[in-house]
Amino acid sequence: MEKKIIQTEMAPAPIGPYNQAVAAGGFLFISGQVCIKPGTSELNNSDIQAETHQVMHNLKAILQEAGTDFNSVVKTTIFLSDMNLFSEVNEIYGKYFDGAFPARETVAVKGLPKNVNVEISMIATV
């Protein structure tokens, strides 16, 4: 199976040995995105709303680079630093979809990269 690496300057560069996304077998596997502003090492984390929007904008940029959008997303995973953030993150996350929501799990974890509060990964069809 052939795989294609997806990279865009409109999303943050990876901070480790991984790619923003990989397309293979008709699917797009997007690495977990945090609230890093593209082209910088700055975090957009003034509050949970700004942080979640930045994560979703980063995901959108990767989807667009792969020639698709949120409508093709079939699975997401949301990692939270605290489950008390669930409702605020959920409200913002939901606004990026047209109602045909993907499958999803949301888990609270002990820590996330750069001590952020939310990280989201996605699987989409391409």
N, C-alpha and C. Protein backbone atom coordinates (compact mmCIF):
# COMPACT_ATOMS: atom_id res chain seq x y z
N MET A 1 0.84 -1.17 0.00
CA MET A 1 0.00 0.00 0.00
C MET A 1 0.89 1.24 0.00
N GLU A 2 0.58 2.14 -0.89
CA GLU A 2 1.33 3.38 -0.99
C GLU A 2 0.81 4.38 0.03
N LYS A 3 1.72 5.15 0.60
CA LYS A 3 1.29 6.20 1.52
C LYS A 3 1.84 7.53 1.04
N LYS A 4 1.08 8.58 1.34
CA LYS A 4 1.46 9.93 0.94
C LYS A 4 1.52 10.80 2.19
N ILE A 5 2.63 11.50 2.36
CA ILE A 5 2.81 12.40 3.50
C ILE A 5 2.13 13.73 3.18
N ILE A 6 1.34 14.22 4.12
CA ILE A 6 0.65 15.50 3.98
C ILE A 6 1.32 16.50 4.91
N GLN A 7 1.78 17.61 4.35
CA GLN A 7 2.42 18.69 5.11
C GLN A 7 1.91 20.02 4.59
N THR A 8 1.62 20.96 5.49
CA THR A 8 1.24 22.31 5.09
C THR A 8 1.82 23.31 6.07
N GLU A 9 2.20 24.46 5.57
CA GLU A 9 2.68 25.55 6.42
C GLU A 9 1.53 26.25 7.13
N MET A 10 0.31 25.89 6.77
CA MET A 10 -0.88 26.50 7.39
C MET A 10 -1.25 25.83 8.71
N ALA A 11 -0.49 24.80 9.07
CA ALA A 11 -0.63 24.11 10.36
C ALA A 11 0.75 24.03 10.99
N PRO A 12 0.82 23.85 12.30
CA PRO A 12 2.13 23.81 12.95
C PRO A 12 3.00 22.67 12.46
N ALA A 13 4.29 22.92 12.39
CA ALA A 13 5.24 21.86 12.05
C ALA A 13 5.26 20.84 13.19
N PRO A 14 5.48 19.59 12.87
CA PRO A 14 5.57 18.57 13.93
C PRO A 14 6.67 18.91 14.93
N ILE A 15 6.43 18.56 16.19
CA ILE A 15 7.42 18.82 17.24
C ILE A 15 8.14 17.54 17.65
N GLY A 16 8.08 16.56 16.77
CA GLY A 16 8.73 15.27 17.03
C GLY A 16 8.89 14.51 15.73
N PRO A 17 9.28 13.25 15.80
CA PRO A 17 9.49 12.43 14.60
C PRO A 17 8.17 11.85 14.07
N TYR A 18 7.34 12.71 13.52
CA TYR A 18 6.07 12.31 12.92
C TYR A 18 5.68 13.33 11.86
N ASN A 19 4.66 13.04 11.09
CA ASN A 19 4.15 13.97 10.07
C ASN A 19 2.80 14.52 10.51
N GLN A 20 2.41 15.63 9.91
CA GLN A 20 1.09 16.20 10.21
C GLN A 20 0.00 15.19 9.88
N ALA A 21 0.15 14.53 8.75
CA ALA A 21 -0.84 13.53 8.34
C ALA A 21 -0.22 12.58 7.31
N VAL A 22 -0.85 11.42 7.20
CA VAL A 22 -0.46 10.43 6.21
C VAL A 22 -1.74 9.91 5.55
N ALA A 23 -1.76 9.93 4.22
CA ALA A 23 -2.88 9.36 3.46
C ALA A 23 -2.45 7.96 3.00
N ALA A 24 -3.32 6.99 3.25
CA ALA A 24 -3.05 5.61 2.83
C ALA A 24 -4.35 4.84 2.80
N GLY A 25 -4.52 3.99 1.80
CA GLY A 25 -5.67 3.10 1.74
C GLY A 25 -7.02 3.82 1.72
N GLY A 26 -7.06 5.01 1.15
CA GLY A 26 -8.32 5.75 1.08
C GLY A 26 -8.64 6.54 2.34
N PHE A 27 -7.71 6.54 3.29
CA PHE A 27 -7.92 7.27 4.54
C PHE A 27 -6.82 8.29 4.78
N LEU A 28 -7.14 9.29 5.55
CA LEU A 28 -6.19 10.31 5.98
C LEU A 28 -6.09 10.21 7.49
N PHE A 29 -4.88 9.97 7.99
CA PHE A 29 -4.64 9.85 9.42
C PHE A 29 -3.92 11.12 9.87
N ILE A 30 -4.62 11.96 10.63
CA ILE A 30 -4.06 13.24 11.07
C ILE A 30 -3.53 13.11 12.49
N SER A 31 -2.27 13.46 12.66
CA SER A 31 -1.66 13.43 13.98
C SER A 31 -2.36 14.42 14.91
N GLY A 32 -2.27 14.15 16.19
CA GLY A 32 -2.88 15.03 17.18
C GLY A 32 -2.39 16.46 17.03
N GLN A 33 -3.32 17.39 17.02
CA GLN A 33 -3.00 18.80 16.89
C GLN A 33 -3.29 19.52 18.20
N VAL A 34 -2.39 20.44 18.55
CA VAL A 34 -2.58 21.29 19.72
C VAL A 34 -2.68 22.73 19.24
N CYS A 35 -2.70 23.66 20.16
CA CYS A 35 -3.01 25.06 19.82
C CYS A 35 -1.80 25.89 19.41
N ILE A 36 -0.81 25.27 18.77
CA ILE A 36 0.34 26.03 18.28
C ILE A 36 -0.10 26.84 17.06
N LYS A 37 0.28 28.11 17.04
CA LYS A 37 0.00 28.96 15.88
C LYS A 37 0.95 28.58 14.76
N PRO A 38 0.42 28.32 13.55
CA PRO A 38 1.28 27.91 12.43
C PRO A 38 2.40 28.92 12.18
N GLY A 39 3.59 28.40 11.87
CA GLY A 39 4.74 29.24 11.56
C GLY A 39 5.44 29.80 12.79
N THR A 40 4.96 29.42 13.97
CA THR A 40 5.57 29.92 15.22
C THR A 40 5.71 28.75 16.19
N SER A 41 6.21 29.05 17.35
CA SER A 41 6.18 28.08 18.44
C SER A 41 5.25 28.57 19.55
N GLU A 42 4.47 29.62 19.23
CA GLU A 42 3.56 30.23 20.20
C GLU A 42 2.28 29.42 20.34
N LEU A 43 1.78 29.37 21.58
CA LEU A 43 0.51 28.72 21.86
C LEU A 43 -0.61 29.76 21.87
N ASN A 44 -1.74 29.41 21.29
CA ASN A 44 -2.93 30.25 21.34
C ASN A 44 -3.81 29.66 22.44
N ASN A 45 -3.45 29.92 23.68
CA ASN A 45 -4.14 29.29 24.80
C ASN A 45 -4.56 30.29 25.88
N SER A 46 -5.04 31.46 25.44
CA SER A 46 -5.49 32.46 26.40
C SER A 46 -6.69 31.97 27.20
N ASP A 47 -7.51 31.13 26.57
CA ASP A 47 -8.62 30.47 27.25
C ASP A 47 -8.97 29.21 26.47
N ILE A 48 -9.84 28.38 27.01
CA ILE A 48 -10.14 27.09 26.37
C ILE A 48 -10.83 27.27 25.02
N GLN A 49 -11.60 28.36 24.87
CA GLN A 49 -12.25 28.60 23.58
C GLN A 49 -11.21 28.89 22.49
N ALA A 50 -10.28 29.80 22.78
CA ALA A 50 -9.23 30.14 21.81
C ALA A 50 -8.39 28.91 21.49
N GLU A 51 -8.09 28.15 22.52
CA GLU A 51 -7.26 26.95 22.35
C GLU A 51 -7.96 25.94 21.44
N THR A 52 -9.23 25.71 21.68
CA THR A 52 -9.98 24.73 20.87
C THR A 52 -10.13 25.20 19.43
N HIS A 53 -10.44 26.48 19.23
CA HIS A 53 -10.54 27.01 17.87
C HIS A 53 -9.22 26.85 17.12
N GLN A 54 -8.09 27.12 17.79
CA GLN A 54 -6.79 26.99 17.12
C GLN A 54 -6.54 25.54 16.71
N VAL A 55 -6.87 24.61 17.59
CA VAL A 55 -6.71 23.19 17.26
C VAL A 55 -7.55 22.85 16.03
N MET A 56 -8.79 23.30 16.00
CA MET A 56 -9.67 23.00 14.87
C MET A 56 -9.20 23.69 13.59
N HIS A 57 -8.67 24.89 13.69
CA HIS A 57 -8.11 25.58 12.51
C HIS A 57 -6.91 24.81 11.97
N ASN A 58 -6.07 24.29 12.87
CA ASN A 58 -4.92 23.50 12.43
C ASN A 58 -5.37 22.23 11.72
N LEU A 59 -6.38 21.57 12.27
CA LEU A 59 -6.92 20.37 11.63
C LEU A 59 -7.53 20.70 10.26
N LYS A 60 -8.26 21.80 10.20
CA LYS A 60 -8.88 22.22 8.93
C LYS A 60 -7.82 22.45 7.85
N ALA A 61 -6.71 23.08 8.22
CA ALA A 61 -5.64 23.34 7.25
C ALA A 61 -5.06 22.04 6.70
N ILE A 62 -4.91 21.06 7.56
CA ILE A 62 -4.37 19.76 7.11
C ILE A 62 -5.38 19.05 6.22
N LEU A 63 -6.64 19.07 6.60
CA LEU A 63 -7.68 18.49 5.76
C LEU A 63 -7.69 19.15 4.37
N GLN A 64 -7.60 20.47 4.34
CA GLN A 64 -7.61 21.20 3.06
C GLN A 64 -6.40 20.83 2.22
N GLU A 65 -5.23 20.71 2.85
CA GLU A 65 -4.02 20.33 2.12
C GLU A 65 -4.19 18.96 1.46
N ALA A 66 -4.96 18.10 2.11
CA ALA A 66 -5.21 16.75 1.58
C ALA A 66 -6.37 16.75 0.58
N GLY A 67 -6.98 17.91 0.35
CA GLY A 67 -8.06 18.02 -0.62
C GLY A 67 -9.42 17.64 -0.08
N THR A 68 -9.62 17.77 1.22
CA THR A 68 -10.89 17.38 1.81
C THR A 68 -11.29 18.37 2.91
N ASP A 69 -12.31 18.01 3.68
CA ASP A 69 -12.79 18.91 4.73
C ASP A 69 -13.39 18.10 5.87
N PHE A 70 -14.00 18.79 6.84
CA PHE A 70 -14.56 18.11 8.01
C PHE A 70 -15.66 17.11 7.65
N ASN A 71 -16.31 17.27 6.50
CA ASN A 71 -17.37 16.33 6.11
C ASN A 71 -16.85 14.93 5.86
N SER A 72 -15.55 14.79 5.60
CA SER A 72 -14.98 13.46 5.33
C SER A 72 -14.42 12.79 6.58
N VAL A 73 -14.47 13.47 7.72
CA VAL A 73 -13.91 12.92 8.95
C VAL A 73 -14.82 11.80 9.45
N VAL A 74 -14.23 10.63 9.71
CA VAL A 74 -15.00 9.48 10.18
C VAL A 74 -14.74 9.15 11.64
N LYS A 75 -13.62 9.64 12.20
CA LYS A 75 -13.26 9.31 13.58
C LYS A 75 -12.38 10.40 14.16
N THR A 76 -12.65 10.79 15.38
CA THR A 76 -11.78 11.72 16.09
C THR A 76 -11.49 11.20 17.49
N THR A 77 -10.39 11.66 18.02
CA THR A 77 -10.06 11.42 19.41
C THR A 77 -9.71 12.77 20.03
N ILE A 78 -10.37 13.08 21.13
CA ILE A 78 -10.10 14.32 21.86
C ILE A 78 -9.45 13.96 23.18
N PHE A 79 -8.31 14.56 23.43
CA PHE A 79 -7.59 14.40 24.69
C PHE A 79 -7.72 15.70 25.47
N LEU A 80 -8.17 15.62 26.71
CA LEU A 80 -8.33 16.80 27.56
C LEU A 80 -7.45 16.68 28.80
N SER A 81 -6.96 17.81 29.27
CA SER A 81 -6.19 17.83 30.50
C SER A 81 -7.09 17.68 31.72
N ASP A 82 -8.38 17.98 31.53
CA ASP A 82 -9.34 17.94 32.64
C ASP A 82 -10.73 17.73 32.03
N MET A 83 -11.45 16.73 32.49
CA MET A 83 -12.77 16.44 31.93
C MET A 83 -13.77 17.56 32.21
N ASN A 84 -13.46 18.47 33.12
CA ASN A 84 -14.32 19.64 33.36
C ASN A 84 -14.35 20.58 32.16
N LEU A 85 -13.43 20.43 31.22
CA LEU A 85 -13.39 21.24 30.00
C LEU A 85 -14.27 20.67 28.91
N PHE A 86 -14.83 19.50 29.14
CA PHE A 86 -15.58 18.77 28.10
C PHE A 86 -16.65 19.60 27.43
N SER A 87 -17.53 20.23 28.18
CA SER A 87 -18.68 20.92 27.57
C SER A 87 -18.23 22.10 26.70
N GLU A 88 -17.23 22.85 27.15
CA GLU A 88 -16.77 24.00 26.35
C GLU A 88 -16.09 23.54 25.07
N VAL A 89 -15.24 22.54 25.17
CA VAL A 89 -14.57 22.01 23.99
C VAL A 89 -15.60 21.37 23.05
N ASN A 90 -16.52 20.61 23.59
CA ASN A 90 -17.54 19.95 22.80
C ASN A 90 -18.39 20.94 22.00
N GLU A 91 -18.75 22.04 22.62
CA GLU A 91 -19.57 23.06 21.94
C GLU A 91 -18.84 23.65 20.74
N ILE A 92 -17.58 23.99 20.91
CA ILE A 92 -16.80 24.57 19.81
C ILE A 92 -16.53 23.52 18.74
N TYR A 93 -16.11 22.35 19.14
CA TYR A 93 -15.83 21.24 18.22
C TYR A 93 -17.04 20.99 17.31
N GLY A 94 -18.23 20.93 17.89
CA GLY A 94 -19.44 20.62 17.14
C GLY A 94 -19.76 21.62 16.05
N LYS A 95 -19.33 22.86 16.20
CA LYS A 95 -19.62 23.91 15.21
C LYS A 95 -18.86 23.72 13.90
N TYR A 96 -17.85 22.87 13.90
CA TYR A 96 -17.05 22.66 12.70
C TYR A 96 -17.62 21.57 11.78
N PHE A 97 -18.68 20.93 12.22
CA PHE A 97 -19.30 19.86 11.44
C PHE A 97 -20.71 20.27 11.04
N ASP A 98 -21.19 19.71 9.92
CA ASP A 98 -22.52 20.03 9.40
C ASP A 98 -23.61 19.10 9.93
N GLY A 99 -23.35 18.39 11.00
CA GLY A 99 -24.36 17.52 11.57
C GLY A 99 -24.09 16.04 11.39
N ALA A 100 -23.36 15.66 10.37
CA ALA A 100 -22.99 14.26 10.18
C ALA A 100 -21.70 14.02 10.96
N PHE A 101 -21.84 13.97 12.28
CA PHE A 101 -20.68 13.90 13.16
C PHE A 101 -19.94 12.56 13.01
N PRO A 102 -18.62 12.61 13.16
CA PRO A 102 -17.85 11.37 13.11
C PRO A 102 -17.96 10.60 14.43
N ALA A 103 -17.51 9.37 14.41
CA ALA A 103 -17.36 8.61 15.65
C ALA A 103 -16.28 9.31 16.48
N ARG A 104 -16.33 9.13 17.81
CA ARG A 104 -15.39 9.88 18.64
C ARG A 104 -15.27 9.28 20.02
N GLU A 105 -14.11 9.48 20.62
CA GLU A 105 -13.97 9.28 22.04
C GLU A 105 -13.28 10.51 22.60
N THR A 106 -13.56 10.79 23.86
CA THR A 106 -12.92 11.90 24.56
C THR A 106 -12.37 11.34 25.86
N VAL A 107 -11.09 11.58 26.09
CA VAL A 107 -10.47 11.06 27.29
C VAL A 107 -9.69 12.16 28.00
N ALA A 108 -9.67 12.08 29.32
CA ALA A 108 -8.83 12.96 30.12
C ALA A 108 -7.50 12.26 30.34
N VAL A 109 -6.43 13.02 30.20
CA VAL A 109 -5.09 12.46 30.35
C VAL A 109 -4.30 13.26 31.38
N LYS A 110 -3.25 12.66 31.87
CA LYS A 110 -2.45 13.31 32.90
C LYS A 110 -1.71 14.54 32.37
N GLY A 111 -1.27 14.50 31.13
CA GLY A 111 -0.53 15.62 30.55
C GLY A 111 -0.55 15.55 29.04
N LEU A 112 -0.40 16.73 28.41
CA LEU A 112 -0.37 16.84 26.96
C LEU A 112 0.88 17.64 26.55
N PRO A 113 1.31 17.54 25.29
CA PRO A 113 2.50 18.28 24.85
C PRO A 113 2.37 19.78 25.15
N LYS A 114 3.46 20.36 25.60
CA LYS A 114 3.54 21.79 25.90
C LYS A 114 2.54 22.23 26.97
N ASN A 115 2.06 21.26 27.75
CA ASN A 115 1.10 21.52 28.84
C ASN A 115 -0.18 22.20 28.37
N VAL A 116 -0.63 21.87 27.16
CA VAL A 116 -1.90 22.41 26.65
C VAL A 116 -3.06 21.66 27.30
N ASN A 117 -4.27 22.14 27.04
CA ASN A 117 -5.47 21.54 27.62
C ASN A 117 -6.23 20.61 26.69
N VAL A 118 -5.99 20.75 25.38
CA VAL A 118 -6.74 19.93 24.41
C VAL A 118 -5.84 19.55 23.23
N GLU A 119 -5.98 18.29 22.81
CA GLU A 119 -5.32 17.78 21.60
C GLU A 119 -6.35 16.94 20.88
N ILE A 120 -6.41 17.08 19.56
CA ILE A 120 -7.39 16.32 18.77
C ILE A 120 -6.70 15.68 17.58
N SER A 121 -6.96 14.40 17.36
CA SER A 121 -6.50 13.70 16.17
C SER A 121 -7.73 13.27 15.36
N MET A 122 -7.53 13.00 14.07
CA MET A 122 -8.65 12.66 13.19
C MET A 122 -8.26 11.60 12.18
N ILE A 123 -9.29 10.87 11.75
CA ILE A 123 -9.18 9.99 10.59
C ILE A 123 -10.28 10.41 9.63
N ALA A 124 -9.92 10.62 8.37
CA ALA A 124 -10.88 11.05 7.35
C ALA A 124 -10.74 10.16 6.12
N THR A 125 -11.72 10.20 5.26
CA THR A 125 -11.62 9.53 3.98
C THR A 125 -11.06 10.50 2.95
N VAL A 126 -10.32 9.97 1.99
CA VAL A 126 -9.77 10.81 0.91
C VAL A 126 -10.02 10.13 -0.42
